[in-house]
Every structure is written in C-alpha cells, then in structure tokens.
PDB file of N, CA and C in Angstrom:
ATOM      1  N   UNK A   1       0.838  -1.179   0.000  1.00  0.00           N
ATOM      2  CA  UNK A   1       0.000   0.000   0.000  1.00  0.00           C
ATOM      3  C   UNK A   1       0.877   1.233   0.000  1.00  0.00           C
ATOM      4  N   UNK A   2       0.382   2.287  -0.522  1.00  0.00           N
ATOM      5  CA  UNK A   2       1.111   3.548  -0.555  1.00  0.00           C
ATOM      6  C   UNK A   2       0.925   4.281   0.768  1.00  0.00           C
ATOM      7  N   UNK A   3       1.909   5.078   1.114  1.00  0.00           N
ATOM      8  CA  UNK A   3       1.816   5.909   2.311  1.00  0.00           C
ATOM      9  C   UNK A   3       2.692   7.136   2.103  1.00  0.00           C
ATOM     10  N   UNK A   4       2.394   8.184   2.835  1.00  0.00           N
ATOM     11  CA  UNK A   4       3.177   9.406   2.802  1.00  0.00           C
ATOM     12  C   UNK A   4       3.942   9.498   4.116  1.00  0.00           C
ATOM     13  N   UNK A   5       5.257   9.693   4.028  1.00  0.00           N
ATOM     14  CA  UNK A   5       6.079   9.829   5.228  1.00  0.00           C
ATOM     15  C   UNK A   5       5.916  11.243   5.775  1.00  0.00           C
ATOM     16  N   UNK A   6       5.451  11.336   7.014  1.00  0.00           N
ATOM     17  CA  UNK A   6       5.286  12.631   7.659  1.00  0.00           C
ATOM     18  C   UNK A   6       6.565  13.060   8.368  1.00  0.00           C
ATOM     19  N   UNK A   7       7.222  12.090   9.006  1.00  0.00           N
ATOM     20  CA  UNK A   7       8.492  12.369   9.671  1.00  0.00           C
ATOM     21  C   UNK A   7       9.302  11.083   9.698  1.00  0.00           C
ATOM     22  N   UNK A   8      10.615  11.249   9.794  1.00  0.00           N
ATOM     23  CA  UNK A   8      11.492  10.086   9.769  1.00  0.00           C
ATOM     24  C   UNK A   8      12.759  10.357  10.549  1.00  0.00           C
ATOM     25  N   UNK A   9      13.263   9.314  11.170  1.00  0.00           N
ATOM     26  CA  UNK A   9      14.573   9.335  11.807  1.00  0.00           C
ATOM     27  C   UNK A   9      15.185   7.965  11.551  1.00  0.00           C
ATOM     28  N   UNK A  10      16.368   7.711  12.099  1.00  0.00           N
ATOM     29  CA  UNK A  10      17.014   6.429  11.829  1.00  0.00           C
ATOM     30  C   UNK A  10      16.261   5.248  12.419  1.00  0.00           C
ATOM     31  N   UNK A  11      15.386   5.485  13.417  1.00  0.00           N
ATOM     32  CA  UNK A  11      14.682   4.359  14.025  1.00  0.00           C
ATOM     33  C   UNK A  11      13.163   4.506  14.077  1.00  0.00           C
ATOM     34  N   UNK A  12      12.611   5.552  13.440  1.00  0.00           N
ATOM     35  CA  UNK A  12      11.148   5.730  13.425  1.00  0.00           C
ATOM     36  C   UNK A  12      10.692   6.340  12.109  1.00  0.00           C
ATOM     37  N   UNK A  13       9.554   5.857  11.625  1.00  0.00           N
ATOM     38  CA  UNK A  13       8.864   6.455  10.485  1.00  0.00           C
ATOM     39  C   UNK A  13       7.436   6.741  10.926  1.00  0.00           C
ATOM     40  N   UNK A  14       6.961   7.937  10.662  1.00  0.00           N
ATOM     41  CA  UNK A  14       5.561   8.280  10.930  1.00  0.00           C
ATOM     42  C   UNK A  14       4.909   8.476   9.580  1.00  0.00           C
ATOM     43  N   UNK A  15       3.811   7.747   9.345  1.00  0.00           N
ATOM     44  CA  UNK A  15       3.187   7.687   8.029  1.00  0.00           C
ATOM     45  C   UNK A  15       1.708   8.034   8.093  1.00  0.00           C
ATOM     46  N   UNK A  16       1.193   8.497   6.966  1.00  0.00           N
ATOM     47  CA  UNK A  16      -0.250   8.608   6.789  1.00  0.00           C
ATOM     48  C   UNK A  16      -0.600   7.713   5.605  1.00  0.00           C
ATOM     49  N   UNK A  17      -1.615   6.893   5.812  1.00  0.00           N
ATOM     50  CA  UNK A  17      -2.049   5.930   4.805  1.00  0.00           C
ATOM     51  C   UNK A  17      -3.406   6.379   4.284  1.00  0.00           C
ATOM     52  N   UNK A  18      -3.553   6.515   2.963  1.00  0.00           N
ATOM     53  CA  UNK A  18      -4.846   6.947   2.400  1.00  0.00           C
ATOM     54  C   UNK A  18      -5.997   6.073   2.912  1.00  0.00           C
ATOM     55  N   UNK A  19      -7.080   6.720   3.326  1.00  0.00           N
ATOM     56  CA  UNK A  19      -8.255   6.011   3.813  1.00  0.00           C
ATOM     57  C   UNK A  19      -8.224   5.726   5.304  1.00  0.00           C
ATOM     58  N   UNK A  20      -7.109   6.013   5.969  1.00  0.00           N
ATOM     59  CA  UNK A  20      -7.003   5.781   7.411  1.00  0.00           C
ATOM     60  C   UNK A  20      -7.132   7.116   8.138  1.00  0.00           C
ATOM     61  N   UNK A  21      -7.891   7.121   9.206  1.00  0.00           N
ATOM     62  CA  UNK A  21      -8.080   8.344   9.979  1.00  0.00           C
ATOM     63  C   UNK A  21      -6.911   8.605  10.930  1.00  0.00           C
ATOM     64  N   UNK A  22      -6.090   7.593  11.180  1.00  0.00           N
ATOM     65  CA  UNK A  22      -4.963   7.696  12.116  1.00  0.00           C
ATOM     66  C   UNK A  22      -3.638   7.678  11.367  1.00  0.00           C
ATOM     67  N   UNK A  23      -2.614   8.240  11.976  1.00  0.00           N
ATOM     68  CA  UNK A  23      -1.272   8.089  11.428  1.00  0.00           C
ATOM     69  C   UNK A  23      -0.702   6.762  11.935  1.00  0.00           C
ATOM     70  N   UNK A  24       0.264   6.246  11.212  1.00  0.00           N
ATOM     71  CA  UNK A  24       0.921   4.997  11.609  1.00  0.00           C
ATOM     72  C   UNK A  24       2.367   5.305  11.958  1.00  0.00           C
ATOM     73  N   UNK A  25       2.900   4.552  12.903  1.00  0.00           N
ATOM     74  CA  UNK A  25       4.297   4.718  13.261  1.00  0.00           C
ATOM     75  C   UNK A  25       5.011   3.381  13.168  1.00  0.00           C
ATOM     76  N   UNK A  26       6.160   3.380  12.503  1.00  0.00           N
ATOM     77  CA  UNK A  26       6.990   2.192  12.415  1.00  0.00           C
ATOM     78  C   UNK A  26       8.258   2.450  13.213  1.00  0.00           C
ATOM     79  N   UNK A  27       8.754   1.409  13.880  1.00  0.00           N
ATOM     80  CA  UNK A  27       9.988   1.494  14.634  1.00  0.00           C
ATOM     81  C   UNK A  27      10.984   0.494  14.097  1.00  0.00           C
ATOM     82  N   UNK A  28      12.263   0.862  14.013  1.00  0.00           N
ATOM     83  CA  UNK A  28      13.331  -0.021  13.560  1.00  0.00           C
ATOM     84  C   UNK A  28      13.810  -0.808  14.770  1.00  0.00           C
ATOM     85  N   UNK A  29      13.421  -2.084  14.844  1.00  0.00           N
ATOM     86  CA  UNK A  29      13.747  -2.947  15.984  1.00  0.00           C
ATOM     87  C   UNK A  29      14.356  -4.231  15.452  1.00  0.00           C
ATOM     88  N   UNK A  30      15.528  -4.576  15.972  1.00  0.00           N
ATOM     89  CA  UNK A  30      16.206  -5.819  15.595  1.00  0.00           C
ATOM     90  C   UNK A  30      16.282  -5.997  14.077  1.00  0.00           C
ATOM     91  N   UNK A  31      16.753  -4.960  13.396  1.00  0.00           N
ATOM     92  CA  UNK A  31      16.985  -4.975  11.945  1.00  0.00           C
ATOM     93  C   UNK A  31      15.744  -5.154  11.088  1.00  0.00           C
ATOM     94  N   UNK A  32      14.619  -4.661  11.554  1.00  0.00           N
ATOM     95  CA  UNK A  32      13.401  -4.670  10.733  1.00  0.00           C
ATOM     96  C   UNK A  32      12.460  -3.567  11.203  1.00  0.00           C
ATOM     97  N   UNK A  33      11.622  -3.115  10.285  1.00  0.00           N
ATOM     98  CA  UNK A  33      10.586  -2.139  10.627  1.00  0.00           C
ATOM     99  C   UNK A  33       9.417  -2.888  11.257  1.00  0.00           C
ATOM    100  N   UNK A  34       8.941  -2.387  12.390  1.00  0.00           N
ATOM    101  CA  UNK A  34       7.834  -3.014  13.113  1.00  0.00           C
ATOM    102  C   UNK A  34       6.698  -2.004  13.284  1.00  0.00           C
ATOM    103  N   UNK A  35       5.458  -2.490  13.133  1.00  0.00           N
ATOM    104  CA  UNK A  35       4.295  -1.627  13.339  1.00  0.00           C
ATOM    105  C   UNK A  35       4.023  -1.504  14.830  1.00  0.00           C
ATOM    106  N   UNK A  36       3.110  -0.618  15.182  1.00  0.00           N
ATOM    107  CA  UNK A  36       2.726  -0.440  16.585  1.00  0.00           C
ATOM    108  C   UNK A  36       2.118  -1.704  17.172  1.00  0.00           C
ATOM    109  N   UNK A  37       1.524  -2.551  16.327  1.00  0.00           N
ATOM    110  CA  UNK A  37       0.924  -3.799  16.803  1.00  0.00           C
ATOM    111  C   UNK A  37       1.938  -4.931  16.911  1.00  0.00           C
ATOM    112  N   UNK A  38       3.196  -4.671  16.492  1.00  0.00           N
ATOM    113  CA  UNK A  38       4.238  -5.677  16.585  1.00  0.00           C
ATOM    114  C   UNK A  38       4.454  -6.489  15.324  1.00  0.00           C
ATOM    115  N   UNK A  39       3.764  -6.144  14.241  1.00  0.00           N
ATOM    116  CA  UNK A  39       3.930  -6.868  12.980  1.00  0.00           C
ATOM    117  C   UNK A  39       5.137  -6.323  12.216  1.00  0.00           C
ATOM    118  N   UNK A  40       5.905  -7.229  11.602  1.00  0.00           N
ATOM    119  CA  UNK A  40       7.024  -6.817  10.756  1.00  0.00           C
ATOM    120  C   UNK A  40       6.461  -6.196   9.481  1.00  0.00           C
ATOM    121  N   UNK A  41       7.062  -5.097   9.039  1.00  0.00           N
ATOM    122  CA  UNK A  41       6.581  -4.364   7.870  1.00  0.00           C
ATOM    123  C   UNK A  41       7.724  -4.231   6.874  1.00  0.00           C
ATOM    124  N   UNK A  42       7.439  -4.504   5.611  1.00  0.00           N
ATOM    125  CA  UNK A  42       8.429  -4.330   4.549  1.00  0.00           C
ATOM    126  C   UNK A  42       8.240  -2.962   3.925  1.00  0.00           C
ATOM    127  N   UNK A  43       9.328  -2.219   3.822  1.00  0.00           N
ATOM    128  CA  UNK A  43       9.309  -0.925   3.151  1.00  0.00           C
ATOM    129  C   UNK A  43       9.896  -1.164   1.771  1.00  0.00           C
ATOM    130  N   UNK A  44       9.067  -1.044   0.745  1.00  0.00           N
ATOM    131  CA  UNK A  44       9.478  -1.397  -0.596  1.00  0.00           C
ATOM    132  C   UNK A  44      10.239  -0.317  -1.320  1.00  0.00           C
ATOM    133  N   UNK A  45      10.082   0.920  -0.953  1.00  0.00           N
ATOM    134  CA  UNK A  45      10.806   1.978  -1.635  1.00  0.00           C
ATOM    135  C   UNK A  45      10.403   3.334  -1.114  1.00  0.00           C
ATOM    136  N   UNK A  46      11.312   4.267  -1.311  1.00  0.00           N
ATOM    137  CA  UNK A  46      11.039   5.642  -0.921  1.00  0.00           C
ATOM    138  C   UNK A  46      11.540   6.529  -2.044  1.00  0.00           C
ATOM    139  N   UNK A  47      10.854   7.620  -2.275  1.00  0.00           N
ATOM    140  CA  UNK A  47      11.244   8.568  -3.312  1.00  0.00           C
ATOM    141  C   UNK A  47      11.790   9.807  -2.615  1.00  0.00           C
ATOM    142  N   UNK A  48      13.009  10.170  -2.945  1.00  0.00           N
ATOM    143  CA  UNK A  48      13.647  11.340  -2.328  1.00  0.00           C
ATOM    144  C   UNK A  48      12.996  12.621  -2.820  1.00  0.00           C
ATOM    145  N   UNK A  49      12.924  13.581  -1.945  1.00  0.00           N
ATOM    146  CA  UNK A  49      12.412  14.906  -2.268  1.00  0.00           C
ATOM    147  C   UNK A  49      13.593  15.866  -2.183  1.00  0.00           C
ATOM    148  N   UNK A  50      13.656  16.824  -3.080  1.00  0.00           N
ATOM    149  CA  UNK A  50      14.756  17.781  -3.085  1.00  0.00           C
ATOM    150  C   UNK A  50      14.917  18.404  -1.700  1.00  0.00           C
ATOM    151  N   UNK A  51      16.134  18.443  -1.219  1.00  0.00           N
ATOM    152  CA  UNK A  51      16.414  19.040   0.079  1.00  0.00           C
ATOM    153  C   UNK A  51      16.391  18.051   1.228  1.00  0.00           C
ATOM    154  N   UNK A  52      15.995  16.808   0.983  1.00  0.00           N
ATOM    155  CA  UNK A  52      15.959  15.781   2.026  1.00  0.00           C
ATOM    156  C   UNK A  52      17.149  14.866   1.828  1.00  0.00           C
ATOM    157  N   UNK A  53      17.933  14.644   2.875  1.00  0.00           N
ATOM    158  CA  UNK A  53      19.095  13.778   2.808  1.00  0.00           C
ATOM    159  C   UNK A  53      18.668  12.351   3.140  1.00  0.00           C
ATOM    160  N   UNK A  54      18.617  11.429   2.151  1.00  0.00           N
ATOM    161  CA  UNK A  54      18.152  10.065   2.419  1.00  0.00           C
ATOM    162  C   UNK A  54      19.065   9.292   3.356  1.00  0.00           C
ATOM    163  N   UNK A  55      20.324   9.703   3.508  1.00  0.00           N
ATOM    164  CA  UNK A  55      21.221   9.015   4.433  1.00  0.00           C
ATOM    165  C   UNK A  55      20.743   9.152   5.868  1.00  0.00           C
ATOM    166  N   UNK A  56      19.945  10.175   6.150  1.00  0.00           N
ATOM    167  CA  UNK A  56      19.396  10.385   7.487  1.00  0.00           C
ATOM    168  C   UNK A  56      18.495   9.223   7.907  1.00  0.00           C
ATOM    169  N   UNK A  57      17.924   8.515   6.937  1.00  0.00           N
ATOM    170  CA  UNK A  57      16.997   7.427   7.226  1.00  0.00           C
ATOM    171  C   UNK A  57      17.678   6.073   7.371  1.00  0.00           C
ATOM    172  N   UNK A  58      18.965   5.993   7.118  1.00  0.00           N
ATOM    173  CA  UNK A  58      19.662   4.713   7.081  1.00  0.00           C
ATOM    174  C   UNK A  58      20.671   4.593   8.211  1.00  0.00           C
ATOM    175  N   UNK A  59      20.970   3.364   8.564  1.00  0.00           N
ATOM    176  CA  UNK A  59      21.955   3.091   9.598  1.00  0.00           C
ATOM    177  C   UNK A  59      23.365   3.004   9.026  1.00  0.00           C
ATOM    178  N   UNK A  60      23.510   3.075   7.731  1.00  0.00           N
ATOM    179  CA  UNK A  60      24.829   3.070   7.103  1.00  0.00           C
ATOM    180  C   UNK A  60      24.911   4.255   6.161  1.00  0.00           C
ATOM    181  N   UNK A  61      26.031   4.393   5.495  1.00  0.00           N
ATOM    182  CA  UNK A  61      26.218   5.540   4.615  1.00  0.00           C
ATOM    183  C   UNK A  61      25.555   5.366   3.247  1.00  0.00           C
ATOM    184  N   UNK A  62      24.983   4.197   2.959  1.00  0.00           N
ATOM    185  CA  UNK A  62      24.352   3.967   1.664  1.00  0.00           C
ATOM    186  C   UNK A  62      22.858   3.730   1.846  1.00  0.00           C
ATOM    187  N   UNK A  63      22.064   4.372   0.965  1.00  0.00           N
ATOM    188  CA  UNK A  63      20.630   4.163   0.982  1.00  0.00           C
ATOM    189  C   UNK A  63      20.333   2.735   0.537  1.00  0.00           C
ATOM    190  N   UNK A  64      19.441   2.064   1.215  1.00  0.00           N
ATOM    191  CA  UNK A  64      19.099   0.693   0.866  1.00  0.00           C
ATOM    192  C   UNK A  64      17.642   0.433   1.227  1.00  0.00           C
ATOM    193  N   UNK A  65      17.081  -0.586   0.651  1.00  0.00           N
ATOM    194  CA  UNK A  65      15.736  -1.018   1.008  1.00  0.00           C
ATOM    195  C   UNK A  65      15.855  -1.962   2.189  1.00  0.00           C
ATOM    196  N   UNK A  66      15.039  -1.753   3.189  1.00  0.00           N
ATOM    197  CA  UNK A  66      15.034  -2.638   4.339  1.00  0.00           C
ATOM    198  C   UNK A  66      13.792  -3.500   4.235  1.00  0.00           C
ATOM    199  N   UNK A  67      13.970  -4.781   4.324  1.00  0.00           N
ATOM    200  CA  UNK A  67      12.838  -5.695   4.200  1.00  0.00           C
ATOM    201  C   UNK A  67      12.779  -6.616   5.415  1.00  0.00           C
ATOM    202  N   UNK A  68      11.586  -6.901   5.843  1.00  0.00           N
ATOM    203  CA  UNK A  68      11.394  -7.838   6.948  1.00  0.00           C
ATOM    204  C   UNK A  68      11.749  -9.252   6.455  1.00  0.00           C
ATOM    205  N   UNK A  69      12.306 -10.043   7.345  1.00  0.00           N
ATOM    206  CA  UNK A  69      12.661 -11.405   6.969  1.00  0.00           C
ATOM    207  C   UNK A  69      11.631 -12.395   7.464  1.00  0.00           C
TER     208      UNK A  69
END
C-alpha cells in the first residue's frame, strides 16, 4: 500500500495511509521495521524529495531497502 512519510529518523517512520483516519508509526527494531501492533513491515521503496538527505533514514552511509525477513 502507498503511504506518505510525515516524519522520519534512523529508528522511526511516521506515516499517513490513504483512507485511514490515524497516522501509523513504524519502529526499527532488531533490523526490521515493526508496526505499533508488533507486525514486521516491509518498506518497498522511498522517493527522495529535493532538500531531504536520504542518508538520514539509514543506519549506514548507503541508501538501501530494508525488508522484513
């Protein structure tokens, strides 16, 4: 599903999902993104916006896709 990132740090993503009245928050725990309910979430891709440093969202110096195992 598509979502819009409202805020991001190296260990948290706050999202708004179309059709949902609430915002969602993901936390980076044990090398995977986890939802507030404890479910592992796969982040399939992000599109950079001018002026945003994508390295801020990663734990290493290279941008990468993080997927739940």
